[in-house]
Protein backbone atom coordinates (compact mmCIF):
# COMPACT_ATOMS: atom_id res chain seq x y z
CA MET A 1 96.20 159.68 107.45
CA SER A 2 98.47 161.44 104.99
CA ASP A 3 99.03 160.19 101.48
CA LYS A 4 102.35 158.36 101.17
CA GLY A 5 102.45 158.11 97.40
CA THR A 6 101.36 155.48 94.92
CA ILE A 7 102.07 151.76 94.91
CA ALA A 8 101.24 149.76 91.77
CA ILE A 9 100.21 146.16 92.30
CA ILE A 10 100.03 143.73 89.40
CA GLY A 11 97.71 140.83 90.17
CA ALA A 12 94.32 141.06 91.87
CA GLY A 13 94.08 137.53 93.25
CA LEU A 14 93.74 136.70 96.95
CA MET A 15 97.28 137.78 97.84
CA GLY A 16 97.21 140.86 95.61
CA THR A 17 93.88 141.88 97.12
CA ALA A 18 95.21 141.56 100.68
CA ILE A 19 98.40 143.52 99.94
CA ALA A 20 96.56 146.24 98.04
CA THR A 21 94.09 146.65 100.90
CA LEU A 22 96.88 146.70 103.49
CA CYS A 23 98.79 149.42 101.64
CA ALA A 24 95.63 151.46 101.19
CA ALA A 25 94.83 151.13 104.91
CA GLN A 26 98.33 152.41 105.71
CA GLY A 27 97.88 155.59 103.68
CA TYR A 28 99.10 154.74 100.20
CA LYS A 29 97.24 155.28 96.98
CA VAL A 30 97.13 151.91 95.25
CA ALA A 31 96.89 151.28 91.53
CA LEU A 32 95.77 147.70 90.88
CA HIS A 33 95.99 145.85 87.56
CA ASP A 34 95.05 142.35 86.51
CA ALA A 35 95.19 140.89 83.01
CA ASN A 36 91.87 139.21 83.74
CA GLN A 37 89.01 141.72 84.02
CA ARG A 38 87.12 139.33 86.32
CA GLY A 39 89.93 139.69 88.85
CA LEU A 40 89.37 143.44 88.94
CA ASP A 41 85.59 143.12 88.97
CA GLY A 42 85.70 140.92 92.08
CA PHE A 43 88.22 143.01 93.99
CA ALA A 44 85.80 144.97 96.17
CA GLU A 45 83.95 141.86 97.32
CA ARG A 46 87.20 140.12 98.29
CA ALA A 47 88.71 143.22 99.86
CA ARG A 48 85.78 144.45 101.96
CA PRO A 49 86.19 142.03 104.91
CA ILE A 50 89.93 142.79 104.98
CA ALA A 51 89.25 146.51 104.86
CA GLY A 52 86.74 146.09 107.66
CA TYR A 53 89.38 144.41 109.81
CA LEU A 54 91.96 147.11 109.04
CA ALA A 55 89.57 150.04 109.48
CA MET A 56 90.39 152.60 112.14
CA PRO A 57 88.88 155.86 113.42
CA GLY A 58 88.90 158.37 110.59
CA ARG A 59 89.65 155.74 107.96
CA GLY A 60 86.82 153.26 107.52
CA ALA A 61 86.47 150.36 105.11
CA ASP A 62 84.94 152.57 102.40
CA ASP A 63 87.86 155.02 102.68
CA ILE A 64 90.34 152.16 102.31
CA LEU A 65 88.60 150.72 99.27
CA ALA A 66 88.35 154.16 97.70
CA ALA A 67 92.14 154.47 97.85
CA VAL A 68 92.51 151.52 95.44
CA GLU A 69 92.13 152.46 91.78
CA LEU A 70 91.54 149.65 89.28
CA HIS A 71 93.33 149.68 85.91
CA ALA A 72 92.74 147.46 82.89
CA SER A 73 95.94 148.84 81.33
CA LEU A 74 99.36 147.89 82.74
CA GLU A 75 100.88 151.11 81.47
CA ASP A 76 98.23 153.24 83.17
CA CYS A 77 98.61 151.27 86.40
CA VAL A 78 102.34 151.81 86.82
CA ARG A 79 102.38 155.47 85.80
CA GLY A 80 103.52 157.61 88.73
CA ALA A 81 104.21 154.69 91.08
CA SER A 82 107.36 154.58 93.21
CA LEU A 83 107.07 150.81 93.72
CA VAL A 84 105.62 148.28 91.28
CA HIS A 85 104.84 144.96 92.95
CA GLU A 86 104.18 141.82 90.89
CA ILE A 87 101.78 139.37 92.54
CA ILE A 88 100.68 137.11 89.67
CA HIS A 89 100.51 133.29 89.64
CA GLU A 90 103.67 131.21 90.13
CA ASP A 91 104.69 130.77 86.52
CA LEU A 92 108.29 131.51 85.53
CA GLU A 93 107.63 132.47 81.92
CA ALA A 94 104.72 134.72 82.86
CA LYS A 95 106.85 136.50 85.43
CA ARG A 96 109.82 136.84 83.08
CA ASP A 97 107.56 138.34 80.43
CA LEU A 98 105.94 140.75 82.88
CA PHE A 99 109.25 141.98 84.31
CA GLY A 100 110.55 142.49 80.80
CA ARG A 101 107.63 144.81 80.15
CA LEU A 102 107.97 146.56 83.51
CA ASP A 103 111.68 147.16 83.05
CA ALA A 104 110.95 148.76 79.69
CA ILE A 105 108.10 151.07 80.74
CA CYS A 106 109.04 152.08 84.31
CA PRO A 107 111.54 154.90 84.94
CA PRO A 108 114.92 153.70 86.30
CA ASP A 109 114.24 154.98 89.81
CA VAL A 110 111.12 152.83 90.27
CA MET A 111 111.63 149.78 92.47
CA LEU A 112 110.35 146.51 90.96
CA ALA A 113 109.32 143.77 93.38
CA THR A 114 108.07 140.21 93.10
CA ASN A 115 106.00 138.32 95.64
CA THR A 116 107.14 134.93 94.36
CA SER A 117 107.24 132.29 97.09
CA SER A 118 109.35 129.73 95.25
CA ILE A 119 110.96 130.96 92.01
CA LEU A 120 114.50 132.35 92.22
CA LEU A 121 114.79 136.03 91.32
CA SER A 122 117.83 135.23 89.21
CA GLU A 123 115.61 133.04 87.03
CA ILE A 124 112.99 135.76 86.71
CA CYS A 125 115.07 138.83 85.95
CA SER A 126 118.76 138.08 85.36
CA HIS A 127 118.22 138.94 81.66
CA LEU A 128 116.94 142.45 82.39
CA PRO A 129 119.04 145.57 81.79
CA GLY A 130 117.62 147.02 85.02
CA ARG A 131 117.82 143.85 87.10
CA GLY A 132 119.58 145.67 89.95
CA ARG A 133 116.32 147.36 90.96
CA VAL A 134 114.41 144.07 91.29
CA VAL A 135 113.89 142.71 94.80
CA GLY A 136 111.72 140.02 96.33
CA ILE A 137 109.09 141.29 98.76
CA HIS A 138 107.36 138.11 99.82
CA TYR A 139 104.34 138.32 102.11
CA VAL A 140 103.00 135.39 104.12
CA ALA A 141 99.27 134.68 103.97
CA PRO A 142 97.14 136.17 105.36
CA ALA A 143 99.20 139.16 104.26
CA HIS A 144 97.11 141.76 106.10
CA LEU A 145 97.83 140.00 109.43
CA ILE A 146 101.32 138.47 109.29
CA ARG A 147 103.93 141.16 110.03
CA ALA A 148 107.04 139.34 108.84
CA VAL A 149 107.78 139.92 105.14
CA GLU A 150 110.78 138.40 103.37
CA ILE A 151 113.09 140.65 101.38
CA ILE A 152 114.84 138.39 98.87
CA THR A 153 118.14 139.56 97.40
CA THR A 154 120.48 138.34 94.68
CA GLU A 155 124.10 139.06 93.86
CA PHE A 156 122.90 141.80 91.50
CA THR A 157 120.29 143.46 93.76
CA ALA A 158 121.46 146.99 94.53
CA PRO A 159 122.00 147.68 98.27
CA GLU A 160 119.94 150.88 98.04
CA VAL A 161 117.03 148.83 96.71
CA VAL A 162 117.18 146.53 99.74
CA ALA A 163 117.30 149.57 102.02
CA GLY A 164 114.33 151.06 100.18
CA ALA A 165 112.34 147.86 100.56
CA LEU A 166 113.02 147.86 104.30
CA ARG A 167 111.89 151.48 104.61
CA PHE A 168 108.73 150.76 102.66
CA LEU A 169 107.80 147.84 104.90
CA GLU A 170 108.29 150.02 107.98
CA THR A 171 105.73 152.47 106.57
CA ILE A 172 103.09 149.72 106.46
CA ASP A 173 103.96 148.34 109.93
CA ARG A 174 105.74 145.24 108.65
CA VAL A 175 109.06 143.68 109.66
CA GLY A 176 111.45 143.08 106.79
CA ILE A 177 113.38 139.79 106.96
CA VAL A 178 116.37 139.92 104.59
CA CYS A 179 117.70 136.71 103.06
CA ARG A 180 119.73 135.67 100.05
CA GLU A 181 117.81 133.77 97.41
CA CYS A 182 117.77 130.00 97.77
CA PRO A 183 115.13 127.34 97.06
CA GLY A 184 112.23 128.05 99.45
CA PHE A 185 113.86 131.29 100.62
CA LEU A 186 113.76 131.51 104.43
CA ILE A 187 110.21 131.06 105.73
CA ASN A 188 109.16 128.28 103.35
CA ARG A 189 112.46 126.50 103.82
CA ILE A 190 111.78 126.35 107.54
CA GLN A 191 108.07 125.58 107.47
CA TYR A 192 108.27 122.99 104.68
CA ALA A 193 110.99 121.12 106.59
CA LEU A 194 108.46 120.87 109.43
CA LYS A 195 105.65 119.90 107.07
CA ALA A 196 107.75 117.16 105.47
CA GLU A 197 108.69 115.68 108.83
CA VAL A 198 105.18 115.60 110.31
CA GLN A 199 103.86 113.98 107.13
CA LYS A 200 106.46 111.23 107.55
CA ILE A 201 105.40 110.81 111.19
CA VAL A 202 101.81 110.26 110.07
CA GLU A 203 102.86 107.82 107.35
CA GLU A 204 104.99 105.84 109.82
CA ASN A 205 102.03 105.72 112.24
CA VAL A 206 104.13 107.23 115.02
CA ALA A 207 101.36 109.57 116.17
CA SER A 208 97.92 110.74 115.12
CA VAL A 209 97.22 113.95 113.22
CA GLU A 210 95.46 115.31 116.30
CA ASP A 211 98.36 114.48 118.63
CA ILE A 212 100.90 116.01 116.25
CA ASP A 213 98.95 119.27 116.21
CA ALA A 214 98.55 119.22 120.00
CA ALA A 215 102.27 118.60 120.45
CA VAL A 216 103.24 121.55 118.25
CA ARG A 217 100.48 123.87 119.45
CA LEU A 218 101.19 123.35 123.15
CA SER A 219 104.98 122.97 123.19
CA ILE A 220 106.96 124.00 120.11
CA GLY A 221 104.52 126.60 118.82
CA PRO A 222 104.27 128.97 121.83
CA ARG A 223 108.03 129.02 122.34
CA LEU A 224 108.66 129.76 118.68
CA ALA A 225 106.02 132.48 118.70
CA LEU A 226 107.73 134.25 121.58
CA TRP A 227 111.39 133.83 120.71
CA GLY A 228 112.02 132.00 117.42
CA PRO A 229 114.09 128.79 117.20
CA MET A 230 117.54 130.28 117.89
CA MET A 231 116.67 132.33 120.97
CA GLN A 232 114.38 129.57 122.26
CA GLU A 233 117.29 127.12 122.14
CA ASP A 234 119.53 129.56 124.02
CA LEU A 235 116.88 129.97 126.71
CA SER A 236 116.09 126.32 127.31
CA THR A 237 118.68 123.86 126.04
CA SER A 238 122.45 123.51 126.26
CA LYS A 239 124.22 123.32 122.91
CA LYS A 240 125.93 120.15 124.18
CA THR A 241 122.52 118.55 124.59
CA VAL A 242 121.45 119.71 121.14
CA VAL A 243 124.57 118.12 119.63
CA ALA A 244 123.92 114.86 121.49
CA VAL A 245 120.26 114.69 120.42
CA THR A 246 120.86 115.58 116.78
CA ASP A 247 123.72 113.09 116.49
CA TYR A 248 121.64 110.33 118.08
CA ILE A 249 118.70 110.91 115.72
CA HIS A 250 121.13 111.08 112.80
CA LYS A 251 122.71 107.77 113.76
CA ALA A 252 119.36 106.08 114.47
CA THR A 253 117.66 107.21 111.26
CA GLY A 254 120.59 107.48 108.87
CA ASN A 255 119.14 110.82 107.75
CA ALA A 256 121.98 113.29 107.22
CA HIS A 257 119.56 116.18 107.66
CA PHE A 258 119.63 115.55 111.43
CA ALA A 259 123.44 115.65 111.78
CA SER A 260 124.75 118.47 113.94
CA THR A 261 126.40 121.30 112.02
CA ALA A 262 129.92 122.66 112.34
CA VAL A 263 128.64 125.97 113.70
CA LEU A 264 126.63 124.20 116.43
CA ARG A 265 129.59 122.03 117.43
CA SER A 266 131.84 125.09 117.57
CA LEU A 267 129.51 126.81 120.02
CA ALA A 268 129.25 123.70 122.19
CA GLU A 269 133.01 123.13 122.24
CA SER A 270 133.76 126.78 123.06
CA GLY A 271 131.40 126.73 126.05
CA GLU A 272 128.93 129.13 124.43
CA ILE A 273 126.09 126.76 125.26
CA GLY A 274 123.26 129.28 125.72
CA ALA A 275 121.85 131.88 128.06
CA ALA A 276 123.01 130.01 131.18
CA ALA A 277 126.62 130.57 130.03
CA GLY A 278 126.02 134.14 128.89
CA ALA A 279 126.43 133.31 125.22
CA GLY A 280 125.06 131.02 122.54
CA TRP A 281 123.43 132.12 119.32
CA TYR A 282 123.03 135.42 121.19
CA ARG A 283 125.04 137.24 123.85
CA TRP A 284 123.23 137.65 127.14
CA ASP A 285 124.16 140.51 129.47
CA VAL A 286 121.72 139.98 132.35
CA SER A 287 121.73 137.38 135.10
CA TYR A 288 120.41 133.92 134.33
CA ASP A 289 118.01 134.16 137.28
CA HIS A 290 116.42 137.22 135.70
CA LEU A 291 116.23 135.47 132.32
CA VAL A 292 114.51 132.44 133.82
CA ARG A 293 111.93 134.55 135.63
CA GLU A 294 111.19 136.64 132.53
CA ARG A 295 111.15 133.57 130.25
CA ASP A 296 108.69 131.79 132.51
CA ARG A 297 106.46 134.85 132.85
CA GLN A 298 106.20 135.33 129.08
CA LEU A 299 105.59 131.67 128.32
CA GLY A 300 103.20 131.19 131.23
CA GLU A 301 101.04 134.13 130.08
CA LEU A 302 100.89 132.84 126.51
CA LEU A 303 100.04 129.28 127.55
CA GLU A 304 97.31 130.55 129.85
CA TRP A 305 95.91 132.67 127.01
CA LEU A 306 95.86 129.58 124.78
CA ARG A 307 94.07 127.61 127.49
CA LYS A 308 91.36 130.26 127.77
CA ASN A 309 91.00 130.91 124.05
CA GLU A 310 90.95 127.47 122.48
CA ARG A 311 88.77 127.58 119.41
CA LEU A 312 89.35 124.14 117.91
CA GLU A 313 85.68 123.19 117.80
CA ALA A 314 84.73 126.53 116.26
CA LEU A 315 86.94 125.79 113.25
CA GLY A 316 84.83 122.75 112.40
CA ALA A 317 87.74 120.28 112.12
CA LYS A 318 86.97 116.63 112.88
CA GLY A 319 89.40 113.82 113.63
CA GLY A 320 90.46 111.86 110.59
CA ASN A 321 93.65 109.98 111.42
CA GLU A 322 92.14 106.58 110.58
CA ARG A 323 91.09 107.82 107.14
CA ILE A 324 94.54 109.31 106.52
CA GLN A 325 96.29 106.15 107.69
CA GLY A 326 94.16 104.04 105.38
CA ARG A 327 95.12 106.22 102.47
CA ALA A 328 98.81 106.07 103.41
CA LYS A 329 98.77 102.26 103.55
CA GLY A 330 96.94 102.08 100.23
């Protein structure tokens, strides 16, 4: 595999280790720095199982690890890098201080990225002279497996920086998901809405922990894995039904979060109710009969795979709904 250049990664924790190993496996030279020497000393031990998973013919685990060079000095680490990626702990002041240093020592053409999962980029770098070259590149754990990577932008992020981030992710076989900065960004905003709701379901004693997981794993989960929430809705549910259900739950609970949105109502009222009508969130240019057959084939194959590959017992999890309920009541 040819050398693609040098990526500097600041932070050798679990996420930094995974990203450094991934980039090395994909042909980059990686310069890794951590302010704590123990983080650097433990890198190889943490990285070896990841490198073993990512190894391929002609590029084994040892080759991957050899492509990562450890640096005690920040200045030495970033020298010659085309991308400097911050992956330190979630602390605003620490990140602001680090980006101030990076903006001062890195040439203007070097892209600066942060892996923050919660802090707004505008809070981290709006004070920097070179803030236009800062972009969020947020991986989802485990970073060496999950292909979707968020690209977080602000009003001052240069368009060419966003384009460069997308090109970089393509070179490491990742899919860039572009979103404007907001609390939680895109992925956490979605998944924490789900987390918050299932925690309420447990607290209200509506269903057990085990039944919640079974419901998601065997109904919502496979459909989302294949198509995502927007396409899945087009393929299976009329927008008129979605409006009716959301409005009923809104009225019954009083929770405004469940109220149907203006954009959903507009689709329903215009007749763009989903794939059966040829349009919804997407436009569909094949017959509905074909869509149904292909939808059912894809979902049937995935559900059958799940049936044959259940590994719940292997994970060592044991039922604990009674214990959780007792804690909730207390």
